[in-house]
Amino acid sequence: MDKKLFNSLTIIEQVNYFNEKLKEGFNISEICSDINISYNTIRHRFSKNFYTYNKLNNRYECIEK
């Protein structure tokens, strides 16, 4: 997936994409590199929308305010 297509997805679709790739065995750095987007951008975008990375479950999860 390229950056333009990834950015056109909704935030839920972006999180689902990351979670699917994480389930396939990729790490966050590899996914970001594949999309050509920085980890800081992903971290900021996801946290702004109340998603955080859960190391124990190896996935992004929605957190409540």
N, C-alpha and C. Protein backbone atom coordinates (compact mmCIF):
# COMPACT_ATOMS: atom_id res chain seq x y z
N MET A 1 0.86 -1.17 0.00
CA MET A 1 0.00 0.00 0.00
C MET A 1 0.90 1.23 0.00
N ASP A 2 0.50 2.23 -0.75
CA ASP A 2 1.29 3.46 -0.77
C ASP A 2 0.68 4.50 0.18
N LYS A 3 1.44 5.54 0.43
CA LYS A 3 1.06 6.57 1.40
C LYS A 3 -0.24 7.27 1.02
N LYS A 4 -0.41 7.57 -0.25
CA LYS A 4 -1.61 8.28 -0.70
C LYS A 4 -2.86 7.45 -0.44
N LEU A 5 -2.82 6.18 -0.78
CA LEU A 5 -3.95 5.30 -0.55
C LEU A 5 -4.20 5.13 0.95
N PHE A 6 -3.13 4.94 1.72
CA PHE A 6 -3.27 4.77 3.17
C PHE A 6 -3.92 6.00 3.79
N ASN A 7 -3.49 7.19 3.38
CA ASN A 7 -4.05 8.42 3.93
C ASN A 7 -5.50 8.64 3.53
N SER A 8 -5.94 8.02 2.45
CA SER A 8 -7.34 8.18 2.03
C SER A 8 -8.28 7.28 2.83
N LEU A 9 -7.73 6.33 3.59
CA LEU A 9 -8.56 5.44 4.41
C LEU A 9 -9.05 6.17 5.65
N THR A 10 -10.16 5.70 6.21
CA THR A 10 -10.63 6.25 7.49
C THR A 10 -9.66 5.80 8.57
N ILE A 11 -9.73 6.44 9.72
CA ILE A 11 -8.82 6.08 10.82
C ILE A 11 -9.04 4.63 11.25
N ILE A 12 -10.27 4.18 11.24
CA ILE A 12 -10.56 2.79 11.63
C ILE A 12 -9.94 1.83 10.62
N GLU A 13 -10.03 2.16 9.34
CA GLU A 13 -9.43 1.32 8.30
C GLU A 13 -7.90 1.31 8.43
N GLN A 14 -7.32 2.45 8.78
CA GLN A 14 -5.87 2.53 8.98
C GLN A 14 -5.44 1.66 10.15
N VAL A 15 -6.17 1.73 11.25
CA VAL A 15 -5.85 0.92 12.42
C VAL A 15 -6.00 -0.56 12.08
N ASN A 16 -7.08 -0.90 11.38
CA ASN A 16 -7.30 -2.29 10.99
C ASN A 16 -6.18 -2.79 10.08
N TYR A 17 -5.72 -1.95 9.17
CA TYR A 17 -4.60 -2.31 8.29
C TYR A 17 -3.36 -2.62 9.11
N PHE A 18 -3.04 -1.73 10.06
CA PHE A 18 -1.88 -1.96 10.92
C PHE A 18 -2.04 -3.24 11.72
N ASN A 19 -3.21 -3.45 12.29
CA ASN A 19 -3.42 -4.65 13.11
C ASN A 19 -3.32 -5.93 12.29
N GLU A 20 -3.80 -5.91 11.06
CA GLU A 20 -3.68 -7.09 10.19
C GLU A 20 -2.22 -7.38 9.88
N LYS A 21 -1.47 -6.33 9.57
CA LYS A 21 -0.04 -6.51 9.27
C LYS A 21 0.72 -6.99 10.50
N LEU A 22 0.37 -6.48 11.68
CA LEU A 22 1.00 -6.93 12.91
C LEU A 22 0.68 -8.40 13.16
N LYS A 23 -0.54 -8.82 12.86
CA LYS A 23 -0.94 -10.21 13.03
C LYS A 23 -0.16 -11.11 12.08
N GLU A 24 0.19 -10.58 10.89
CA GLU A 24 0.96 -11.35 9.91
C GLU A 24 2.43 -11.47 10.29
N GLY A 25 2.86 -10.75 11.34
CA GLY A 25 4.23 -10.88 11.81
C GLY A 25 5.13 -9.69 11.51
N PHE A 26 4.61 -8.68 10.87
CA PHE A 26 5.40 -7.48 10.61
C PHE A 26 5.47 -6.65 11.89
N ASN A 27 6.54 -5.85 12.02
CA ASN A 27 6.58 -4.92 13.15
C ASN A 27 6.19 -3.52 12.66
N ILE A 28 6.00 -2.61 13.59
CA ILE A 28 5.50 -1.27 13.26
C ILE A 28 6.46 -0.55 12.31
N SER A 29 7.76 -0.67 12.54
CA SER A 29 8.74 -0.01 11.68
C SER A 29 8.66 -0.53 10.24
N GLU A 30 8.49 -1.82 10.09
CA GLU A 30 8.38 -2.41 8.75
C GLU A 30 7.13 -1.92 8.02
N ILE A 31 6.03 -1.83 8.75
CA ILE A 31 4.77 -1.38 8.15
C ILE A 31 4.90 0.08 7.71
N CYS A 32 5.46 0.91 8.59
CA CYS A 32 5.66 2.32 8.26
C CYS A 32 6.58 2.48 7.05
N SER A 33 7.64 1.69 7.01
CA SER A 33 8.58 1.75 5.89
C SER A 33 7.90 1.35 4.59
N ASP A 34 7.07 0.32 4.65
CA ASP A 34 6.35 -0.16 3.47
C ASP A 34 5.40 0.92 2.93
N ILE A 35 4.74 1.63 3.84
CA ILE A 35 3.80 2.70 3.43
C ILE A 35 4.56 3.97 3.07
N ASN A 36 5.78 4.10 3.58
CA ASN A 36 6.59 5.31 3.42
C ASN A 36 6.01 6.46 4.24
N ILE A 37 5.72 6.15 5.50
CA ILE A 37 5.19 7.14 6.44
C ILE A 37 5.97 6.99 7.74
N SER A 38 6.18 8.08 8.44
CA SER A 38 6.99 7.99 9.66
C SER A 38 6.17 7.44 10.82
N TYR A 39 6.88 6.77 11.72
CA TYR A 39 6.24 6.22 12.91
C TYR A 39 5.62 7.33 13.75
N ASN A 40 6.30 8.48 13.83
CA ASN A 40 5.77 9.60 14.61
C ASN A 40 4.43 10.07 14.07
N THR A 41 4.27 10.08 12.76
CA THR A 41 2.99 10.46 12.16
C THR A 41 1.90 9.48 12.56
N ILE A 42 2.21 8.20 12.48
CA ILE A 42 1.23 7.16 12.86
C ILE A 42 0.90 7.28 14.34
N ARG A 43 1.91 7.38 15.16
CA ARG A 43 1.69 7.47 16.61
C ARG A 43 0.81 8.67 16.96
N HIS A 44 1.11 9.82 16.36
CA HIS A 44 0.34 11.04 16.62
C HIS A 44 -1.09 10.90 16.10
N ARG A 45 -1.24 10.41 14.88
CA ARG A 45 -2.56 10.27 14.27
C ARG A 45 -3.44 9.30 15.06
N PHE A 46 -2.86 8.18 15.44
CA PHE A 46 -3.63 7.19 16.18
C PHE A 46 -3.97 7.68 17.59
N SER A 47 -3.01 8.28 18.28
CA SER A 47 -3.29 8.74 19.64
C SER A 47 -4.29 9.89 19.64
N LYS A 48 -4.25 10.73 18.62
CA LYS A 48 -5.22 11.82 18.50
C LYS A 48 -6.64 11.28 18.36
N ASN A 49 -6.75 10.08 17.81
CA ASN A 49 -8.05 9.43 17.63
C ASN A 49 -8.29 8.33 18.67
N PHE A 50 -7.56 8.41 19.78
CA PHE A 50 -7.74 7.53 20.94
C PHE A 50 -7.37 6.07 20.70
N TYR A 51 -6.35 5.85 19.88
CA TYR A 51 -5.82 4.51 19.69
C TYR A 51 -4.40 4.47 20.24
N THR A 52 -4.09 3.39 20.92
CA THR A 52 -2.75 3.22 21.47
C THR A 52 -2.28 1.80 21.20
N TYR A 53 -0.97 1.64 21.13
CA TYR A 53 -0.41 0.31 20.88
C TYR A 53 -0.35 -0.47 22.18
N ASN A 54 -0.91 -1.68 22.16
CA ASN A 54 -0.88 -2.58 23.31
C ASN A 54 0.18 -3.63 23.03
N LYS A 55 1.31 -3.55 23.74
CA LYS A 55 2.42 -4.48 23.51
C LYS A 55 2.04 -5.91 23.83
N LEU A 56 1.24 -6.09 24.86
CA LEU A 56 0.85 -7.42 25.28
C LEU A 56 0.04 -8.14 24.19
N ASN A 57 -0.87 -7.42 23.56
CA ASN A 57 -1.71 -8.00 22.51
C ASN A 57 -1.14 -7.78 21.11
N ASN A 58 -0.06 -7.00 21.00
CA ASN A 58 0.58 -6.68 19.72
C ASN A 58 -0.44 -6.13 18.70
N ARG A 59 -1.17 -5.10 19.14
CA ARG A 59 -2.16 -4.47 18.26
C ARG A 59 -2.51 -3.08 18.79
N TYR A 60 -3.07 -2.27 17.91
CA TYR A 60 -3.58 -0.97 18.32
C TYR A 60 -5.01 -1.16 18.81
N GLU A 61 -5.30 -0.50 19.95
CA GLU A 61 -6.62 -0.63 20.55
C GLU A 61 -7.15 0.75 20.90
N CYS A 62 -8.46 0.88 20.85
CA CYS A 62 -9.12 2.12 21.21
C CYS A 62 -9.12 2.27 22.72
N ILE A 63 -8.77 3.46 23.18
CA ILE A 63 -8.81 3.74 24.61
C ILE A 63 -9.89 4.79 24.86
N GLU A 64 -10.53 4.70 25.99
CA GLU A 64 -11.57 5.66 26.35
C GLU A 64 -10.93 6.89 26.97
N LYS A 65 -11.61 8.00 26.87
CA LYS A 65 -11.11 9.25 27.47
C LYS A 65 -11.07 9.11 28.97
